[in-house]
C-alpha atoms as a PDB file:
ATOM      1  CA  MET A   1      18.950   6.613 -41.316  1.00  0.00           C
ATOM      2  CA  ARG A   2      15.391   5.246 -41.640  1.00  0.00           C
ATOM      3  CA  ALA A   3      16.277   2.262 -39.492  1.00  0.00           C
ATOM      4  CA  PHE A   4      17.699   4.570 -36.808  1.00  0.00           C
ATOM      5  CA  LEU A   5      14.555   6.750 -36.792  1.00  0.00           C
ATOM      6  CA  LEU A   6      12.272   3.712 -36.687  1.00  0.00           C
ATOM      7  CA  ALA A   7      14.277   2.226 -33.802  1.00  0.00           C
ATOM      8  CA  SER A   8      14.171   5.556 -31.929  1.00  0.00           C
ATOM      9  CA  VAL A   9      10.410   5.953 -32.367  1.00  0.00           C
ATOM     10  CA  LEU A  10       9.792   2.334 -31.361  1.00  0.00           C
ATOM     11  CA  GLY A  11      12.033   2.759 -28.297  1.00  0.00           C
ATOM     12  CA  LEU A  12      10.128   5.863 -27.199  1.00  0.00           C
ATOM     13  CA  ALA A  13       6.783   4.151 -27.718  1.00  0.00           C
ATOM     14  CA  LEU A  14       7.819   1.149 -25.638  1.00  0.00           C
ATOM     15  CA  ALA A  15       9.291   3.397 -22.936  1.00  0.00           C
ATOM     16  CA  GLY A  16       5.952   5.191 -22.691  1.00  0.00           C
ATOM     17  CA  GLN A  17       4.264   1.864 -21.977  1.00  0.00           C
ATOM     18  CA  ALA A  18       6.498   0.984 -19.040  1.00  0.00           C
ATOM     19  CA  ARG A  19       4.587  -0.725 -16.260  1.00  0.00           C
ATOM     20  CA  ALA A  20       4.142   0.957 -12.919  1.00  0.00           C
ATOM     21  CA  GLU A  21       6.349  -0.686 -10.319  1.00  0.00           C
ATOM     22  CA  VAL A  22       5.914  -0.557  -6.568  1.00  0.00           C
ATOM     23  CA  PHE A  23       8.907  -1.759  -4.561  1.00  0.00           C
ATOM     24  CA  GLY A  24      10.102  -3.333  -7.820  1.00  0.00           C
ATOM     25  CA  LEU A  25       6.887  -5.383  -8.204  1.00  0.00           C
ATOM     26  CA  SER A  26       4.361  -5.011 -11.044  1.00  0.00           C
ATOM     27  CA  MET A  27       0.654  -5.668 -11.475  1.00  0.00           C
ATOM     28  CA  GLY A  28      -0.053  -9.213 -12.660  1.00  0.00           C
ATOM     29  CA  GLU A  29       3.405 -10.480 -11.807  1.00  0.00           C
ATOM     30  CA  PRO A  30       3.409 -14.110 -10.627  1.00  0.00           C
ATOM     31  CA  LEU A  31       4.843 -14.840  -7.195  1.00  0.00           C
ATOM     32  CA  ALA A  32       6.890 -17.736  -8.571  1.00  0.00           C
ATOM     33  CA  GLY A  33      10.050 -15.623  -8.725  1.00  0.00           C
ATOM     34  CA  HIS A  34       9.805 -14.500  -5.094  1.00  0.00           C
ATOM     35  CA  LYS A  35      10.493 -16.307  -1.830  1.00  0.00           C
ATOM     36  CA  VAL A  36       7.232 -16.573   0.136  1.00  0.00           C
ATOM     37  CA  VAL A  37       7.817 -16.860   3.895  1.00  0.00           C
ATOM     38  CA  GLU A  38       4.213 -17.684   4.783  1.00  0.00           C
ATOM     39  CA  THR A  39       0.679 -17.452   3.455  1.00  0.00           C
ATOM     40  CA  ASN A  40      -2.180 -16.676   5.828  1.00  0.00           C
ATOM     41  CA  ARG A  41      -5.663 -18.211   5.744  1.00  0.00           C
ATOM     42  CA  SER A  42      -6.909 -15.388   3.506  1.00  0.00           C
ATOM     43  CA  GLY A  43      -4.306 -16.279   0.875  1.00  0.00           C
ATOM     44  CA  VAL A  44      -2.159 -13.203   1.530  1.00  0.00           C
ATOM     45  CA  SER A  45       1.579 -13.969   1.348  1.00  0.00           C
ATOM     46  CA  LEU A  46       4.544 -12.488   3.199  1.00  0.00           C
ATOM     47  CA  LEU A  47       7.531 -12.032   0.911  1.00  0.00           C
ATOM     48  CA  GLN A  48      11.039 -12.547   2.266  1.00  0.00           C
ATOM     49  CA  SER A  49      12.128  -9.454   0.352  1.00  0.00           C
ATOM     50  CA  VAL A  50      11.164  -7.203  -2.537  1.00  0.00           C
ATOM     51  CA  PRO A  51      13.408  -6.084  -5.400  1.00  0.00           C
ATOM     52  CA  LYS A  52      13.367  -2.419  -4.329  1.00  0.00           C
ATOM     53  CA  PRO A  53      12.645  -2.123  -0.596  1.00  0.00           C
ATOM     54  CA  HIS A  54      11.912   1.213   1.064  1.00  0.00           C
ATOM     55  CA  PRO A  55      14.043   1.812   4.179  1.00  0.00           C
ATOM     56  CA  LEU A  56      10.998   2.555   6.340  1.00  0.00           C
ATOM     57  CA  PHE A  57       9.110  -0.663   5.568  1.00  0.00           C
ATOM     58  CA  THR A  58      10.189  -4.023   6.948  1.00  0.00           C
ATOM     59  CA  SER A  59       7.521  -6.468   5.782  1.00  0.00           C
ATOM     60  CA  TYR A  60       5.640  -6.820   2.515  1.00  0.00           C
ATOM     61  CA  TRP A  61       2.405  -8.813   2.307  1.00  0.00           C
ATOM     62  CA  VAL A  62       0.916  -9.384  -1.150  1.00  0.00           C
ATOM     63  CA  ASP A  63      -2.304 -10.645  -2.703  1.00  0.00           C
ATOM     64  CA  ALA A  64      -1.889 -12.666  -5.886  1.00  0.00           C
ATOM     65  CA  THR A  65      -3.899 -15.313  -7.711  1.00  0.00           C
ATOM     66  CA  LYS A  66      -3.056 -17.753 -10.496  1.00  0.00           C
ATOM     67  CA  GLY A  67      -5.278 -15.942 -12.966  1.00  0.00           C
ATOM     68  CA  GLN A  68      -4.511 -12.321 -12.047  1.00  0.00           C
ATOM     69  CA  GLY A  69      -1.024 -12.489 -10.566  1.00  0.00           C
ATOM     70  CA  LEU A  70      -0.044  -9.728  -8.153  1.00  0.00           C
ATOM     71  CA  CYS A  71      -2.945  -7.425  -7.304  1.00  0.00           C
ATOM     72  CA  ARG A  72      -2.213  -5.762  -3.932  1.00  0.00           C
ATOM     73  CA  ILE A  73       0.784  -4.909  -1.742  1.00  0.00           C
ATOM     74  CA  ASN A  74       0.665  -4.032   1.961  1.00  0.00           C
ATOM     75  CA  ALA A  75       3.977  -2.732   3.320  1.00  0.00           C
ATOM     76  CA  TYR A  76       4.426  -2.357   7.091  1.00  0.00           C
ATOM     77  CA  SER A  77       6.942  -0.379   9.111  1.00  0.00           C
ATOM     78  CA  ASN A  78       8.405  -1.498  12.397  1.00  0.00           C
ATOM     79  CA  VAL A  79       6.414  -0.357  15.411  1.00  0.00           C
ATOM     80  CA  TYR A  80       7.340   2.885  17.123  1.00  0.00           C
ATOM     81  CA  GLU A  81       7.915   1.706  20.698  1.00  0.00           C
ATOM     82  CA  MET A  82       6.621   3.900  23.517  1.00  0.00           C
ATOM     83  CA  ASP A  83       5.005   6.397  21.129  1.00  0.00           C
ATOM     84  CA  GLY A  84       1.572   6.818  22.711  1.00  0.00           C
ATOM     85  CA  TYR A  85       1.378  10.390  21.406  1.00  0.00           C
ATOM     86  CA  GLY A  86       2.268   9.115  17.931  1.00  0.00           C
ATOM     87  CA  ASP A  87       4.886  11.828  17.397  1.00  0.00           C
ATOM     88  CA  ARG A  88       7.498   9.655  15.659  1.00  0.00           C
ATOM     89  CA  ALA A  89       4.883   7.784  13.647  1.00  0.00           C
ATOM     90  CA  ARG A  90       3.297  11.064  12.505  1.00  0.00           C
ATOM     91  CA  GLU A  91       6.681  12.492  11.503  1.00  0.00           C
ATOM     92  CA  ALA A  92       7.361   9.474   9.286  1.00  0.00           C
ATOM     93  CA  TYR A  93       3.783   9.579   7.985  1.00  0.00           C
ATOM     94  CA  ASP A  94       4.121  13.265   7.046  1.00  0.00           C
ATOM     95  CA  ARG A  95       7.349  12.559   5.129  1.00  0.00           C
ATOM     96  CA  LEU A  96       5.658   9.748   3.208  1.00  0.00           C
ATOM     97  CA  VAL A  97       2.572  11.868   2.440  1.00  0.00           C
ATOM     98  CA  LYS A  98       4.872  14.509   1.003  1.00  0.00           C
ATOM     99  CA  ALA A  99       6.713  11.952  -1.163  1.00  0.00           C
ATOM    100  CA  LEU A 100       3.501  10.273  -2.360  1.00  0.00           C
ATOM    101  CA  THR A 101       1.916  13.655  -3.114  1.00  0.00           C
ATOM    102  CA  ALA A 102       4.942  14.619  -5.211  1.00  0.00           C
ATOM    103  CA  LYS A 103       4.522  11.376  -7.166  1.00  0.00           C
ATOM    104  CA  TYR A 104       0.716  11.005  -7.413  1.00  0.00           C
ATOM    105  CA  GLY A 105      -0.779  14.417  -6.692  1.00  0.00           C
ATOM    106  CA  ALA A 106      -2.872  15.427  -3.707  1.00  0.00           C
ATOM    107  CA  GLY A 107      -4.550  12.641  -1.781  1.00  0.00           C
ATOM    108  CA  VAL A 108      -7.596  12.842   0.451  1.00  0.00           C
ATOM    109  CA  ALA A 109      -6.626  13.098   4.121  1.00  0.00           C
ATOM    110  CA  GLU A 110      -8.836  11.600   6.809  1.00  0.00           C
ATOM    111  CA  GLU A 111      -7.728  12.522  10.296  1.00  0.00           C
ATOM    112  CA  GLU A 112     -10.615  12.334  12.665  1.00  0.00           C
ATOM    113  CA  VAL A 113     -11.814  11.096  16.006  1.00  0.00           C
ATOM    114  CA  ARG A 114     -14.821   8.861  15.373  1.00  0.00           C
ATOM    115  CA  ALA A 115     -15.753   8.026  18.952  1.00  0.00           C
ATOM    116  CA  GLY A 116     -14.586   8.573  22.503  1.00  0.00           C
ATOM    117  CA  GLY A 117     -15.470  12.235  22.609  1.00  0.00           C
ATOM    118  CA  GLU A 118     -13.148  14.836  24.077  1.00  0.00           C
ATOM    119  CA  VAL A 119     -10.951  12.213  25.756  1.00  0.00           C
ATOM    120  CA  MET A 120      -9.807  10.735  22.441  1.00  0.00           C
ATOM    121  CA  LYS A 121      -9.018  14.209  21.084  1.00  0.00           C
ATOM    122  CA  GLN A 122      -6.295  14.628  23.715  1.00  0.00           C
ATOM    123  CA  PRO A 123      -2.808  14.041  22.247  1.00  0.00           C
ATOM    124  CA  GLN A 124      -1.755  11.439  24.816  1.00  0.00           C
ATOM    125  CA  PHE A 125      -4.535   9.172  23.539  1.00  0.00           C
ATOM    126  CA  PHE A 126      -3.551   9.339  19.851  1.00  0.00           C
ATOM    127  CA  THR A 127      -2.256   5.757  19.611  1.00  0.00           C
ATOM    128  CA  MET A 128      -4.940   4.390  21.932  1.00  0.00           C
ATOM    129  CA  GLY A 129      -7.594   5.853  19.641  1.00  0.00           C
ATOM    130  CA  LEU A 130      -6.009   4.163  16.621  1.00  0.00           C
ATOM    131  CA  GLN A 131      -5.887   0.831  18.430  1.00  0.00           C
ATOM    132  CA  THR A 132      -9.521   0.967  19.566  1.00  0.00           C
ATOM    133  CA  GLY A 133     -10.783   2.235  16.212  1.00  0.00           C
ATOM    134  CA  ASP A 134     -11.926   5.525  17.719  1.00  0.00           C
ATOM    135  CA  ARG A 135      -9.412   7.494  15.620  1.00  0.00           C
ATOM    136  CA  VAL A 136      -8.424   7.381  11.934  1.00  0.00           C
ATOM    137  CA  HIS A 137      -5.235   8.842  10.457  1.00  0.00           C
ATOM    138  CA  LYS A 138      -4.822   8.110   6.747  1.00  0.00           C
ATOM    139  CA  THR A 139      -4.430   9.599   3.284  1.00  0.00           C
ATOM    140  CA  THR A 140      -5.908   7.990   0.167  1.00  0.00           C
ATOM    141  CA  TRP A 141      -5.089   8.417  -3.502  1.00  0.00           C
ATOM    142  CA  MET A 142      -7.702   7.021  -5.916  1.00  0.00           C
ATOM    143  CA  ARG A 143      -7.357   7.009  -9.672  1.00  0.00           C
ATOM    144  CA  GLU A 144     -11.035   7.975 -10.048  1.00  0.00           C
ATOM    145  CA  VAL A 145     -10.470  11.033  -7.863  1.00  0.00           C
ATOM    146  CA  ASP A 146      -8.046  13.918  -8.403  1.00  0.00           C
ATOM    147  CA  SER A 147      -4.672  12.183  -8.624  1.00  0.00           C
ATOM    148  CA  THR A 148      -2.196  11.157 -11.240  1.00  0.00           C
ATOM    149  CA  LEU A 149      -2.021   7.456 -10.459  1.00  0.00           C
ATOM    150  CA  PRO A 150      -0.786   5.375 -13.389  1.00  0.00           C
ATOM    151  CA  ALA A 151      -3.294   3.117 -15.150  1.00  0.00           C
ATOM    152  CA  GLU A 152      -2.021   0.019 -13.304  1.00  0.00           C
ATOM    153  CA  LEU A 153      -2.819   1.503  -9.876  1.00  0.00           C
ATOM    154  CA  ARG A 154      -6.376   1.681  -8.552  1.00  0.00           C
ATOM    155  CA  ALA A 155      -5.564   3.142  -5.124  1.00  0.00           C
ATOM    156  CA  VAL A 156      -2.819   3.959  -2.641  1.00  0.00           C
ATOM    157  CA  VAL A 157      -3.632   4.271   1.068  1.00  0.00           C
ATOM    158  CA  LEU A 158      -1.168   5.370   3.734  1.00  0.00           C
ATOM    159  CA  ARG A 159      -2.271   5.025   7.349  1.00  0.00           C
ATOM    160  CA  ILE A 160      -1.041   4.944  10.907  1.00  0.00           C
ATOM    161  CA  GLU A 161      -2.313   1.926  12.832  1.00  0.00           C
ATOM    162  CA  ALA A 162      -1.645   0.410  16.255  1.00  0.00           C
ATOM    163  CA  ASP A 163      -1.741  -3.032  17.852  1.00  0.00           C
ATOM    164  CA  ASP A 164      -1.673  -1.630  21.371  1.00  0.00           C
ATOM    165  CA  PHE A 165      -1.821   1.714  23.180  1.00  0.00           C
ATOM    166  CA  ASN A 166       1.863   2.691  22.832  1.00  0.00           C
ATOM    167  CA  THR A 167       3.180   1.203  19.589  1.00  0.00           C
ATOM    168  CA  PRO A 168       1.883   2.715  16.356  1.00  0.00           C
ATOM    169  CA  PHE A 169       3.172   1.638  12.941  1.00  0.00           C
ATOM    170  CA  LEU A 170       2.683   2.690   9.329  1.00  0.00           C
ATOM    171  CA  ARG A 171       1.037   0.701   6.569  1.00  0.00           C
ATOM    172  CA  VAL A 172       0.897   1.638   2.912  1.00  0.00           C
ATOM    173  CA  THR A 173      -1.411  -0.303   0.605  1.00  0.00           C
ATOM    174  CA  TYR A 174      -1.114  -0.339  -3.175  1.00  0.00           C
ATOM    175  CA  GLU A 175      -4.137  -1.789  -4.984  1.00  0.00           C
ATOM    176  CA  PHE A 176      -3.501  -2.546  -8.620  1.00  0.00           C
ATOM    177  CA  SER A 177      -6.186  -2.171 -11.281  1.00  0.00           C
ATOM    178  CA  ASN A 178      -6.734  -5.937 -11.324  1.00  0.00           C
ATOM    179  CA  PHE A 179      -7.597  -6.065  -7.616  1.00  0.00           C
ATOM    180  CA  LEU A 180     -11.358  -6.530  -8.026  1.00  0.00           C
ATOM    181  CA  ALA A 181     -10.860  -9.403 -10.490  1.00  0.00           C
ATOM    182  CA  CYS A 182      -8.240 -10.865  -8.160  1.00  0.00           C
ATOM    183  CA  HIS A 183     -10.605 -10.604  -5.192  1.00  0.00           C
ATOM    184  CA  ALA A 184     -13.382 -12.295  -7.197  1.00  0.00           C
ATOM    185  CA  GLU A 185     -10.992 -15.129  -8.072  1.00  0.00           C
ATOM    186  CA  GLN A 186     -10.047 -15.516  -4.394  1.00  0.00           C
ATOM    187  CA  GLU A 187     -13.737 -15.615  -3.406  1.00  0.00           C
ATOM    188  CA  ALA A 188     -14.526 -18.211  -6.086  1.00  0.00           C
ATOM    189  CA  SER A 189     -11.675 -20.464  -4.993  1.00  0.00           C
ATOM    190  CA  THR A 190     -12.782 -20.158  -1.354  1.00  0.00           C
ATOM    191  CA  ALA A 191     -16.368 -21.073  -2.288  1.00  0.00           C
ATOM    192  CA  GLU A 192     -15.137 -24.218  -4.078  1.00  0.00           C
ATOM    193  CA  VAL A 193     -14.101 -25.821  -0.799  1.00  0.00           C
ATOM    194  CA  LEU A 194     -17.577 -25.587   0.717  1.00  0.00           C
END
C-alpha cells in the first residue's frame, strides 16, 4: 500500500512538472532529432515538419543554439491570395486569438494605423498598410503581463503580415524563457567570425 501511495504521489509530482510544448517542441530541445530544410544567414532554421502541426500553419522556422537548444518558434500560414481587405486573414486571426486567449488568458491587442492618415484607415487598404508598415494588427501575450503563460514561455505574438498589397498571412511567434540567453549566444558566435 505504501509503495502504491508513493508511486501515485511521485507520478502526480512529475506530471505537474511537464514541460510546455508548442507544436510538439519544447524549450531547450536540440534540433538533432528534426529534419532541417535550410538555415538562413541569421541562424534561423526551417523544419521539414513538427511533431504536432497546426492545420493553419505550413512552415515552422526555429531559433536554436548548441548551448540553449530551442528558444523560439515562428509558424507561418499560407498567404491569403487576393485578400486586400484582409477579410479571410482576419477571420483566421480572430479564431486563433480566441483559442490562444482560452489557453493563456487575455493578450494585449494592437490594431492601429501608424501612418498614411485617413487613406490607410479605409478597409480596402488593410493589407497594403500591413505591407508598408503603416498598419499593425497583432495580439501579444507576455508572462510578465496579465496572462497565464507557463514558466517555459516568455511571450506569444500573433500577427497578420503581408509581403505585397493583396496577400496577407499569419505568423505566430513563441519565445521560450531561454530566448535572451539564446540570442546572446547567437550574437557571441557571430562576433567570433569578425
